[in-house]
PDB file of N, CA and C in Angstrom:
ATOM      1  N   PRO A   1     -50.115  18.158  41.111  1.00  0.00           N
ATOM      2  CA  PRO A   1     -49.813  17.789  40.316  1.00  0.00           C
ATOM      3  C   PRO A   1     -48.877  16.560  39.384  1.00  0.00           C
ATOM      4  N   ARG A   2     -49.299  16.094  38.442  1.00  0.00           N
ATOM      5  CA  ARG A   2     -48.655  14.484  38.305  1.00  0.00           C
ATOM      6  C   ARG A   2     -47.212  14.872  37.212  1.00  0.00           C
ATOM      7  N   THR A   3     -46.248  14.379  37.690  1.00  0.00           N
ATOM      8  CA  THR A   3     -45.172  14.472  36.810  1.00  0.00           C
ATOM      9  C   THR A   3     -45.237  13.745  35.459  1.00  0.00           C
ATOM     10  N   TYR A   4     -45.343  14.505  34.190  1.00  0.00           N
ATOM     11  CA  TYR A   4     -45.189  13.438  33.331  1.00  0.00           C
ATOM     12  C   TYR A   4     -43.770  13.363  33.319  1.00  0.00           C
ATOM     13  N   TRP A   5     -42.980  12.012  33.185  1.00  0.00           N
ATOM     14  CA  TRP A   5     -41.444  12.202  32.853  1.00  0.00           C
ATOM     15  C   TRP A   5     -41.057  12.097  31.164  1.00  0.00           C
ATOM     16  N   HIS A   6     -42.037  12.106  30.273  1.00  0.00           N
ATOM     17  CA  HIS A   6     -41.628  11.718  28.730  1.00  0.00           C
ATOM     18  C   HIS A   6     -41.507  13.272  28.477  1.00  0.00           C
ATOM     19  N   GLN A   7     -42.152  14.351  28.898  1.00  0.00           N
ATOM     20  CA  GLN A   7     -41.967  16.007  28.878  1.00  0.00           C
ATOM     21  C   GLN A   7     -40.953  16.616  29.621  1.00  0.00           C
ATOM     22  N   VAL A   8     -40.039  15.853  30.770  1.00  0.00           N
ATOM     23  CA  VAL A   8     -39.351  16.564  31.176  1.00  0.00           C
ATOM     24  C   VAL A   8     -37.791  16.372  30.670  1.00  0.00           C
ATOM     25  N   ARG A   9     -37.057  17.506  30.517  1.00  0.00           N
ATOM     26  CA  ARG A   9     -35.860  17.847  29.287  1.00  0.00           C
ATOM     27  C   ARG A   9     -34.872  18.159  30.453  1.00  0.00           C
ATOM     28  N   VAL A  10     -34.496  18.635  31.508  1.00  0.00           N
ATOM     29  CA  VAL A  10     -33.728  19.037  32.635  1.00  0.00           C
ATOM     30  C   VAL A  10     -34.466  18.702  34.279  1.00  0.00           C
ATOM     31  N   VAL A  11     -33.131  17.942  34.752  1.00  0.00           N
ATOM     32  CA  VAL A  11     -33.753  18.062  36.474  1.00  0.00           C
ATOM     33  C   VAL A  11     -33.020  18.612  37.353  1.00  0.00           C
ATOM     34  N   GLY A  12     -33.655  19.338  38.168  1.00  0.00           N
ATOM     35  CA  GLY A  12     -33.171  19.667  39.382  1.00  0.00           C
ATOM     36  C   GLY A  12     -33.196  19.884  40.497  1.00  0.00           C
ATOM     37  N   THR A  13     -32.613  20.854  41.236  1.00  0.00           N
ATOM     38  CA  THR A  13     -33.031  20.762  42.626  1.00  0.00           C
ATOM     39  C   THR A  13     -32.528  22.328  43.414  1.00  0.00           C
ATOM     40  N   LEU A  14     -34.120  22.725  43.874  1.00  0.00           N
ATOM     41  CA  LEU A  14     -33.603  23.920  44.641  1.00  0.00           C
ATOM     42  C   LEU A  14     -33.825  24.578  45.897  1.00  0.00           C
ATOM     43  N   ARG A  15     -33.075  24.685  46.629  1.00  0.00           N
ATOM     44  CA  ARG A  15     -32.918  25.226  48.259  1.00  0.00           C
ATOM     45  C   ARG A  15     -32.459  26.505  48.423  1.00  0.00           C
ATOM     46  N   PRO A  16     -33.130  27.117  49.415  1.00  0.00           N
ATOM     47  CA  PRO A  16     -32.329  28.319  49.958  1.00  0.00           C
ATOM     48  C   PRO A  16     -31.071  28.192  50.851  1.00  0.00           C
ATOM     49  N   ASN A  17     -30.874  27.140  51.522  1.00  0.00           N
ATOM     50  CA  ASN A  17     -29.638  27.244  52.386  1.00  0.00           C
ATOM     51  C   ASN A  17     -28.142  27.082  51.651  1.00  0.00           C
ATOM     52  N   ALA A  18     -27.599  27.720  51.710  1.00  0.00           N
ATOM     53  CA  ALA A  18     -25.712  27.175  50.706  1.00  0.00           C
ATOM     54  C   ALA A  18     -25.348  26.141  51.543  1.00  0.00           C
ATOM     55  N   ASP A  19     -25.628  25.767  52.585  1.00  0.00           N
ATOM     56  CA  ASP A  19     -24.759  25.245  53.572  1.00  0.00           C
ATOM     57  C   ASP A  19     -25.362  23.527  53.425  1.00  0.00           C
ATOM     58  N   GLU A  20     -26.521  23.489  52.637  1.00  0.00           N
ATOM     59  CA  GLU A  20     -26.597  21.520  52.130  1.00  0.00           C
ATOM     60  C   GLU A  20     -26.208  21.639  50.500  1.00  0.00           C
ATOM     61  N   ASP A  21     -25.043  22.629  50.006  1.00  0.00           N
ATOM     62  CA  ASP A  21     -24.509  22.274  48.605  1.00  0.00           C
ATOM     63  C   ASP A  21     -23.445  21.052  49.032  1.00  0.00           C
ATOM     64  N   GLY A  22     -23.666  20.017  48.515  1.00  0.00           N
ATOM     65  CA  GLY A  22     -22.573  18.990  48.296  1.00  0.00           C
ATOM     66  C   GLY A  22     -23.083  17.714  49.315  1.00  0.00           C
ATOM     67  N   CYS A  23     -24.148  18.185  49.487  1.00  0.00           N
ATOM     68  CA  CYS A  23     -24.782  17.064  50.119  1.00  0.00           C
ATOM     69  C   CYS A  23     -25.048  15.596  49.288  1.00  0.00           C
ATOM     70  N   ASP A  24     -24.865  14.452  50.275  1.00  0.00           N
ATOM     71  CA  ASP A  24     -25.144  13.182  49.212  1.00  0.00           C
ATOM     72  C   ASP A  24     -26.265  12.862  49.006  1.00  0.00           C
ATOM     73  N   THR A  25     -27.402  13.145  49.751  1.00  0.00           N
ATOM     74  CA  THR A  25     -28.790  12.704  49.470  1.00  0.00           C
ATOM     75  C   THR A  25     -29.302  13.572  48.375  1.00  0.00           C
ATOM     76  N   THR A  26     -28.879  14.993  48.783  1.00  0.00           N
ATOM     77  CA  THR A  26     -29.277  15.502  47.249  1.00  0.00           C
ATOM     78  C   THR A  26     -28.878  14.825  46.498  1.00  0.00           C
ATOM     79  N   PHE A  27     -27.439  14.857  46.086  1.00  0.00           N
ATOM     80  CA  PHE A  27     -26.735  14.251  44.794  1.00  0.00           C
ATOM     81  C   PHE A  27     -27.542  12.801  44.788  1.00  0.00           C
ATOM     82  N   ILE A  28     -27.924  11.753  45.029  1.00  0.00           N
ATOM     83  CA  ILE A  28     -28.919  10.793  45.141  1.00  0.00           C
ATOM     84  C   ILE A  28     -30.732  11.110  44.571  1.00  0.00           C
ATOM     85  N   ASN A  29     -30.926  11.963  45.706  1.00  0.00           N
ATOM     86  CA  ASN A  29     -32.251  12.311  44.718  1.00  0.00           C
ATOM     87  C   ASN A  29     -32.474  12.553  43.248  1.00  0.00           C
ATOM     88  N   LEU A  30     -31.180  13.561  43.498  1.00  0.00           N
ATOM     89  CA  LEU A  30     -30.891  13.972  41.531  1.00  0.00           C
ATOM     90  C   LEU A  30     -31.084  12.916  40.657  1.00  0.00           C
ATOM     91  N   ALA A  31     -29.957  11.860  41.515  1.00  0.00           N
ATOM     92  CA  ALA A  31     -30.084  10.504  40.186  1.00  0.00           C
ATOM     93  C   ALA A  31     -30.951  10.114  40.234  1.00  0.00           C
ATOM     94  N   GLU A  32     -32.060   9.631  41.170  1.00  0.00           N
ATOM     95  CA  GLU A  32     -32.902   8.712  41.323  1.00  0.00           C
ATOM     96  C   GLU A  32     -33.729   9.034  40.241  1.00  0.00           C
ATOM     97  N   HIS A  33     -33.911  10.554  40.332  1.00  0.00           N
ATOM     98  CA  HIS A  33     -34.784  11.407  39.463  1.00  0.00           C
ATOM     99  C   HIS A  33     -34.650  11.016  37.813  1.00  0.00           C
ATOM    100  N   THR A  34     -32.894  11.262  37.691  1.00  0.00           N
ATOM    101  CA  THR A  34     -32.584  11.155  36.545  1.00  0.00           C
ATOM    102  C   THR A  34     -32.912   9.659  35.918  1.00  0.00           C
ATOM    103  N   ARG A  35     -32.792   8.882  36.679  1.00  0.00           N
ATOM    104  CA  ARG A  35     -32.967   7.509  36.782  1.00  0.00           C
ATOM    105  C   ARG A  35     -34.490   7.217  36.043  1.00  0.00           C
ATOM    106  N   GLU A  36     -35.422   7.723  36.667  1.00  0.00           N
ATOM    107  CA  GLU A  36     -36.546   7.866  36.131  1.00  0.00           C
ATOM    108  C   GLU A  36     -36.788   8.329  34.872  1.00  0.00           C
ATOM    109  N   LEU A  37     -36.191   9.345  34.586  1.00  0.00           N
ATOM    110  CA  LEU A  37     -36.135  10.047  33.118  1.00  0.00           C
ATOM    111  C   LEU A  37     -35.415   9.219  32.018  1.00  0.00           C
ATOM    112  N   ILE A  38     -34.518   8.824  32.179  1.00  0.00           N
ATOM    113  CA  ILE A  38     -34.308   7.441  31.264  1.00  0.00           C
ATOM    114  C   ILE A  38     -35.007   6.875  31.005  1.00  0.00           C
ATOM    115  N   GLY A  39     -35.295   6.062  32.261  1.00  0.00           N
ATOM    116  CA  GLY A  39     -36.161   4.575  31.735  1.00  0.00           C
ATOM    117  C   GLY A  39     -37.407   5.468  30.971  1.00  0.00           C
ATOM    118  N   THR A  40     -38.121   6.293  31.421  1.00  0.00           N
ATOM    119  CA  THR A  40     -39.265   6.795  30.263  1.00  0.00           C
ATOM    120  C   THR A  40     -38.802   7.334  29.399  1.00  0.00           C
ATOM    121  N   GLN A  41     -37.813   7.832  29.052  1.00  0.00           N
ATOM    122  CA  GLN A  41     -37.131   7.724  27.686  1.00  0.00           C
ATOM    123  C   GLN A  41     -35.922   7.099  27.095  1.00  0.00           C
ATOM    124  N   PRO A  42     -36.150   5.939  26.685  1.00  0.00           N
ATOM    125  CA  PRO A  42     -34.990   5.360  26.595  1.00  0.00           C
ATOM    126  C   PRO A  42     -34.352   5.647  25.046  1.00  0.00           C
ATOM    127  N   ARG A  43     -34.577   6.167  24.415  1.00  0.00           N
ATOM    128  CA  ARG A  43     -33.281   7.338  23.436  1.00  0.00           C
ATOM    129  C   ARG A  43     -32.841   8.412  24.029  1.00  0.00           C
ATOM    130  N   ARG A  44     -33.050   8.532  25.057  1.00  0.00           N
ATOM    131  CA  ARG A  44     -32.064   9.533  26.064  1.00  0.00           C
ATOM    132  C   ARG A  44     -30.488   8.746  26.013  1.00  0.00           C
ATOM    133  N   ASN A  45     -29.910   9.584  25.892  1.00  0.00           N
ATOM    134  CA  ASN A  45     -28.153   9.146  26.041  1.00  0.00           C
ATOM    135  C   ASN A  45     -27.344   9.892  27.196  1.00  0.00           C
ATOM    136  N   TRP A  46     -27.914  10.811  27.620  1.00  0.00           N
ATOM    137  CA  TRP A  46     -27.585  11.422  28.659  1.00  0.00           C
ATOM    138  C   TRP A  46     -28.812  12.569  29.177  1.00  0.00           C
ATOM    139  N   VAL A  47     -28.586  13.204  30.611  1.00  0.00           N
ATOM    140  CA  VAL A  47     -29.729  14.191  30.826  1.00  0.00           C
ATOM    141  C   VAL A  47     -28.655  15.377  31.461  1.00  0.00           C
ATOM    142  N   LEU A  48     -29.142  16.499  31.817  1.00  0.00           N
ATOM    143  CA  LEU A  48     -28.483  17.493  32.173  1.00  0.00           C
ATOM    144  C   LEU A  48     -29.264  17.464  33.878  1.00  0.00           C
ATOM    145  N   GLY A  49     -28.579  18.179  34.722  1.00  0.00           N
ATOM    146  CA  GLY A  49     -28.965  18.436  35.975  1.00  0.00           C
ATOM    147  C   GLY A  49     -28.173  19.242  36.734  1.00  0.00           C
ATOM    148  N   PHE A  50     -29.397  20.360  37.501  1.00  0.00           N
ATOM    149  CA  PHE A  50     -28.192  20.988  38.230  1.00  0.00           C
ATOM    150  C   PHE A  50     -28.806  21.254  39.689  1.00  0.00           C
ATOM    151  N   THR A  51     -27.993  21.682  40.674  1.00  0.00           N
ATOM    152  CA  THR A  51     -28.839  22.354  41.892  1.00  0.00           C
ATOM    153  C   THR A  51     -28.193  23.663  42.400  1.00  0.00           C
ATOM    154  N   LEU A  52     -29.140  23.981  42.640  1.00  0.00           N
ATOM    155  CA  LEU A  52     -28.923  25.873  43.335  1.00  0.00           C
ATOM    156  C   LEU A  52     -29.185  25.670  44.778  1.00  0.00           C
ATOM    157  N   PHE A  53     -28.535  26.110  45.377  1.00  0.00           N
ATOM    158  CA  PHE A  53     -28.265  26.035  47.403  1.00  0.00           C
ATOM    159  C   PHE A  53     -27.782  27.532  47.472  1.00  0.00           C
ATOM    160  N   GLY A  54     -28.971  28.211  47.238  1.00  0.00           N
ATOM    161  CA  GLY A  54     -28.696  29.890  47.961  1.00  0.00           C
ATOM    162  C   GLY A  54     -28.177  30.452  46.431  1.00  0.00           C
ATOM    163  N   ALA A  55     -26.863  30.909  46.641  1.00  0.00           N
ATOM    164  CA  ALA A  55     -26.006  31.139  45.763  1.00  0.00           C
ATOM    165  C   ALA A  55     -25.038  30.402  44.815  1.00  0.00           C
ATOM    166  N   THR A  56     -25.072  29.147  45.166  1.00  0.00           N
ATOM    167  CA  THR A  56     -24.355  28.208  44.814  1.00  0.00           C
ATOM    168  C   THR A  56     -24.696  27.516  44.025  1.00  0.00           C
ATOM    169  N   MET A  57     -24.481  27.025  42.592  1.00  0.00           N
ATOM    170  CA  MET A  57     -24.904  26.525  42.134  1.00  0.00           C
ATOM    171  C   MET A  57     -24.044  25.062  41.153  1.00  0.00           C
ATOM    172  N   ARG A  58     -24.204  23.621  41.021  1.00  0.00           N
ATOM    173  CA  ARG A  58     -23.653  22.749  40.616  1.00  0.00           C
ATOM    174  C   ARG A  58     -24.130  22.648  38.903  1.00  0.00           C
ATOM    175  N   VAL A  59     -23.408  21.708  38.315  1.00  0.00           N
ATOM    176  CA  VAL A  59     -24.088  21.438  36.940  1.00  0.00           C
ATOM    177  C   VAL A  59     -23.786  19.893  36.707  1.00  0.00           C
ATOM    178  N   PHE A  60     -24.523  19.027  36.488  1.00  0.00           N
ATOM    179  CA  PHE A  60     -24.298  17.499  36.481  1.00  0.00           C
ATOM    180  C   PHE A  60     -24.796  17.173  35.100  1.00  0.00           C
ATOM    181  N   ARG A  61     -23.811  16.607  34.349  1.00  0.00           N
ATOM    182  CA  ARG A  61     -23.846  15.401  33.131  1.00  0.00           C
ATOM    183  C   ARG A  61     -24.264  13.895  33.967  1.00  0.00           C
ATOM    184  N   PHE A  62     -25.557  13.414  33.344  1.00  0.00           N
ATOM    185  CA  PHE A  62     -25.931  12.099  33.684  1.00  0.00           C
ATOM    186  C   PHE A  62     -26.032  10.949  32.479  1.00  0.00           C
ATOM    187  N   ASP A  63     -25.426  10.057  32.210  1.00  0.00           N
ATOM    188  CA  ASP A  63     -25.896   9.284  31.144  1.00  0.00           C
ATOM    189  C   ASP A  63     -25.528   7.586  31.716  1.00  0.00           C
ATOM    190  N   ARG A  64     -25.807   7.165  30.884  1.00  0.00           N
ATOM    191  CA  ARG A  64     -26.061   5.323  31.373  1.00  0.00           C
ATOM    192  C   ARG A  64     -24.968   4.810  32.111  1.00  0.00           C
ATOM    193  N   SER A  65     -23.342   5.438  31.730  1.00  0.00           N
ATOM    194  CA  SER A  65     -22.643   4.867  33.047  1.00  0.00           C
ATOM    195  C   SER A  65     -22.646   5.621  34.368  1.00  0.00           C
ATOM    196  N   GLY A  66     -22.844   6.550  34.320  1.00  0.00           N
ATOM    197  CA  GLY A  66     -22.503   7.838  35.631  1.00  0.00           C
ATOM    198  C   GLY A  66     -22.822   8.721  35.567  1.00  0.00           C
ATOM    199  N   ALA A  67     -22.235   9.694  36.266  1.00  0.00           N
ATOM    200  CA  ALA A  67     -22.465  11.212  36.254  1.00  0.00           C
ATOM    201  C   ALA A  67     -20.910  12.173  37.016  1.00  0.00           C
ATOM    202  N   ILE A  68     -21.038  13.201  36.235  1.00  0.00           N
ATOM    203  CA  ILE A  68     -19.819  14.046  36.552  1.00  0.00           C
ATOM    204  C   ILE A  68     -20.753  15.778  36.549  1.00  0.00           C
ATOM    205  N   ALA A  69     -19.972  15.948  37.862  1.00  0.00           N
ATOM    206  CA  ALA A  69     -20.574  16.934  38.194  1.00  0.00           C
ATOM    207  C   ALA A  69     -19.394  18.217  38.323  1.00  0.00           C
ATOM    208  N   SER A  70     -19.986  19.565  37.854  1.00  0.00           N
ATOM    209  CA  SER A  70     -19.418  20.759  38.099  1.00  0.00           C
ATOM    210  C   SER A  70     -18.351  21.266  39.220  1.00  0.00           C
ATOM    211  N   THR A  71     -17.412  22.168  39.517  1.00  0.00           N
ATOM    212  CA  THR A  71     -17.061  22.476  40.977  1.00  0.00           C
ATOM    213  C   THR A  71     -18.485  23.773  40.805  1.00  0.00           C
ATOM    214  N   PRO A  72     -18.689  23.976  42.094  1.00  0.00           N
ATOM    215  CA  PRO A  72     -19.198  24.983  42.701  1.00  0.00           C
ATOM    216  C   PRO A  72     -19.542  26.234  42.282  1.00  0.00           C
ATOM    217  N   ILE A  73     -20.533  26.862  41.504  1.00  0.00           N
ATOM    218  CA  ILE A  73     -20.622  27.878  40.671  1.00  0.00           C
ATOM    219  C   ILE A  73     -21.308  29.231  41.771  1.00  0.00           C
ATOM    220  N   ASP A  74     -20.634  30.448  41.542  1.00  0.00           N
ATOM    221  CA  ASP A  74     -21.329  31.199  42.356  1.00  0.00           C
ATOM    222  C   ASP A  74     -21.837  32.371  41.295  1.00  0.00           C
ATOM    223  N   ILE A  75     -23.447  31.975  41.606  1.00  0.00           N
ATOM    224  CA  ILE A  75     -23.919  32.663  40.420  1.00  0.00           C
ATOM    225  C   ILE A  75     -24.252  34.164  40.549  1.00  0.00           C
ATOM    226  N   HIS A  76     -23.332  34.675  41.486  1.00  0.00           N
ATOM    227  CA  HIS A  76     -23.339  36.501  41.623  1.00  0.00           C
ATOM    228  C   HIS A  76     -22.158  36.470  40.967  1.00  0.00           C
TER     229      HIS A  76
END
């Protein structure tokens, strides 16, 4: 299926392996999706994102100047 970026509200990554949490390639991949989203929706000032690796979750807030991430959260 085709991705329609004008309909996306939140970006995220789900993986079963908790050892991948904090991996730079995951953050870069999430940032690339966010860049695409902000480029398609020019009136957006910020985008929420998340990663979920096993039971470890992080929440991200991206804006036009950068990103900020939460500390790892155990969802259990």
